[in-house]
C-alpha atoms as a PDB file:
ATOM      1  CA  MET A   1     236.400 100.101  87.197  1.00  0.00           C
ATOM      2  CA  ASP A   2     238.339  96.965  86.383  1.00  0.00           C
ATOM      3  CA  ARG A   3     238.790  96.310  90.001  1.00  0.00           C
ATOM      4  CA  LEU A   4     234.979  96.523  90.421  1.00  0.00           C
ATOM      5  CA  ILE A   5     234.464  93.930  87.844  1.00  0.00           C
ATOM      6  CA  ASP A   6     237.137  91.773  89.176  1.00  0.00           C
ATOM      7  CA  LEU A   7     235.230  92.040  92.447  1.00  0.00           C
ATOM      8  CA  LEU A   8     232.045  91.235  91.151  1.00  0.00           C
ATOM      9  CA  GLU A   9     233.452  88.142  89.205  1.00  0.00           C
ATOM     10  CA  LYS A  10     235.272  86.930  92.348  1.00  0.00           C
ATOM     11  CA  PHE A  11     232.213  87.478  95.022  1.00  0.00           C
ATOM     12  CA  GLY A  12     229.234  87.916  92.226  1.00  0.00           C
ATOM     13  CA  ILE A  13     225.992  86.228  93.861  1.00  0.00           C
ATOM     14  CA  GLU A  14     227.241  87.140  97.183  1.00  0.00           C
ATOM     15  CA  VAL A  15     227.298  91.055  96.534  1.00  0.00           C
ATOM     16  CA  VAL A  16     223.822  90.953  94.435  1.00  0.00           C
ATOM     17  CA  LEU A  17     222.346  89.200  97.302  1.00  0.00           C
ATOM     18  CA  LEU A  18     223.877  91.480 100.036  1.00  0.00           C
ATOM     19  CA  LEU A  19     222.578  94.499  97.934  1.00  0.00           C
ATOM     20  CA  GLY A  20     219.219  93.102  97.524  1.00  0.00           C
ATOM     21  CA  PHE A  21     218.830  92.283 101.248  1.00  0.00           C
ATOM     22  CA  SER A  22     220.321  95.675 102.143  1.00  0.00           C
ATOM     23  CA  TYR A  23     217.614  97.542  99.900  1.00  0.00           C
ATOM     24  CA  ALA A  24     214.553  95.237 101.026  1.00  0.00           C
ATOM     25  CA  PHE A  25     215.470  95.735 104.557  1.00  0.00           C
ATOM     26  CA  TYR A  26     215.737  99.567 104.322  1.00  0.00           C
ATOM     27  CA  LYS A  27     212.153  99.735 102.408  1.00  0.00           C
ATOM     28  CA  PHE A  28     210.763  97.357 105.056  1.00  0.00           C
ATOM     29  CA  PHE A  29     212.304  99.209 108.007  1.00  0.00           C
ATOM     30  CA  PHE A  30     211.093 102.774 106.646  1.00  0.00           C
ATOM     31  CA  PHE A  31     207.519 101.537 105.558  1.00  0.00           C
ATOM     32  CA  SER A  32     207.157  99.935 108.872  1.00  0.00           C
ATOM     33  CA  ILE A  33     208.111 103.203 110.769  1.00  0.00           C
ATOM     34  CA  ARG A  34     205.669 105.058 108.385  1.00  0.00           C
ATOM     35  CA  GLU A  35     202.696 102.613 109.083  1.00  0.00           C
ATOM     36  CA  VAL A  36     203.060 102.571 112.719  1.00  0.00           C
ATOM     37  CA  LYS A  37     203.352 106.390 112.946  1.00  0.00           C
ATOM     38  CA  TRP A  38     200.011 106.609 110.740  1.00  0.00           C
ATOM     39  CA  ASP A  39     198.493 103.968 112.952  1.00  0.00           C
ATOM     40  CA  PHE A  40     199.332 105.384 116.144  1.00  0.00           C
ATOM     41  CA  THR A  41     198.393 109.021 115.001  1.00  0.00           C
ATOM     42  CA  LYS A  42     195.004 107.550 113.823  1.00  0.00           C
ATOM     43  CA  ARG A  43     194.216 105.859 117.228  1.00  0.00           C
ATOM     44  CA  HIS A  44     195.288 108.912 119.221  1.00  0.00           C
ATOM     45  CA  ASP A  45     192.834 111.051 117.289  1.00  0.00           C
ATOM     46  CA  VAL A  46     190.100 108.531 118.031  1.00  0.00           C
ATOM     47  CA  LEU A  47     190.949 108.354 121.726  1.00  0.00           C
ATOM     48  CA  LYS A  48     191.412 112.199 122.144  1.00  0.00           C
ATOM     49  CA  ASN A  49     187.728 112.458 120.568  1.00  0.00           C
ATOM     50  CA  GLU A  50     186.264 109.800 123.032  1.00  0.00           C
ATOM     51  CA  LEU A  51     188.052 111.571 125.884  1.00  0.00           C
ATOM     52  CA  GLU A  52     186.561 114.791 125.233  1.00  0.00           C
ATOM     53  CA  LYS A  53     183.128 113.459 124.913  1.00  0.00           C
ATOM     54  CA  ILE A  54     183.644 111.399 128.418  1.00  0.00           C
ATOM     55  CA  ASN A  55     185.072 114.945 129.879  1.00  0.00           C
ATOM     56  CA  ARG A  56     181.968 116.726 128.707  1.00  0.00           C
ATOM     57  CA  GLN A  57     179.673 114.060 130.238  1.00  0.00           C
ATOM     58  CA  LEU A  58     181.810 114.213 133.335  1.00  0.00           C
ATOM     59  CA  THR A  59     181.224 117.986 133.540  1.00  0.00           C
ATOM     60  CA  LYS A  60     177.477 117.581 133.386  1.00  0.00           C
ATOM     61  CA  ILE A  61     177.324 114.757 135.984  1.00  0.00           C
ATOM     62  CA  ASN A  62     179.283 117.172 138.218  1.00  0.00           C
ATOM     63  CA  THR A  63     177.435 120.191 137.878  1.00  0.00           C
ATOM     64  CA  GLN A  64     174.196 117.732 138.425  1.00  0.00           C
ATOM     65  CA  ILE A  65     175.967 116.395 141.789  1.00  0.00           C
ATOM     66  CA  LYS A  66     176.660 120.005 142.871  1.00  0.00           C
ATOM     67  CA  LYS A  67     173.125 120.923 142.512  1.00  0.00           C
ATOM     68  CA  ILE A  68     172.058 117.998 144.277  1.00  0.00           C
ATOM     69  CA  VAL A  69     174.431 118.767 147.297  1.00  0.00           C
ATOM     70  CA  GLU A  70     173.182 122.410 147.313  1.00  0.00           C
ATOM     71  CA  ASP A  71     169.519 121.200 147.286  1.00  0.00           C
ATOM     72  CA  ILE A  72     170.377 119.043 150.247  1.00  0.00           C
ATOM     73  CA  ASP A  73     172.173 121.763 152.269  1.00  0.00           C
ATOM     74  CA  ASN A  74     169.356 124.173 151.541  1.00  0.00           C
ATOM     75  CA  LYS A  75     166.846 121.639 153.007  1.00  0.00           C
ATOM     76  CA  ASN A  76     168.887 120.703 156.123  1.00  0.00           C
ATOM     77  CA  LYS A  77     169.281 124.528 156.900  1.00  0.00           C
ATOM     78  CA  LYS A  78     165.430 125.037 157.094  1.00  0.00           C
END
């Protein structure tokens, strides 16, 4: 314990600043990762819902095109 106190007396402010910086960097790093993950998940869900809507609309358009093509084929056969 005396050695630790001697080291703190010798390096005092540098050790405190280094520990403070390390803690702040740690908190910032993990906060950033959590926020990026949350934003990515939220954006992914929004885009997924939009893509599902587009797929439903494309399916409707595809069935309408098939009906039109069938009607044209039936008219050409007559």
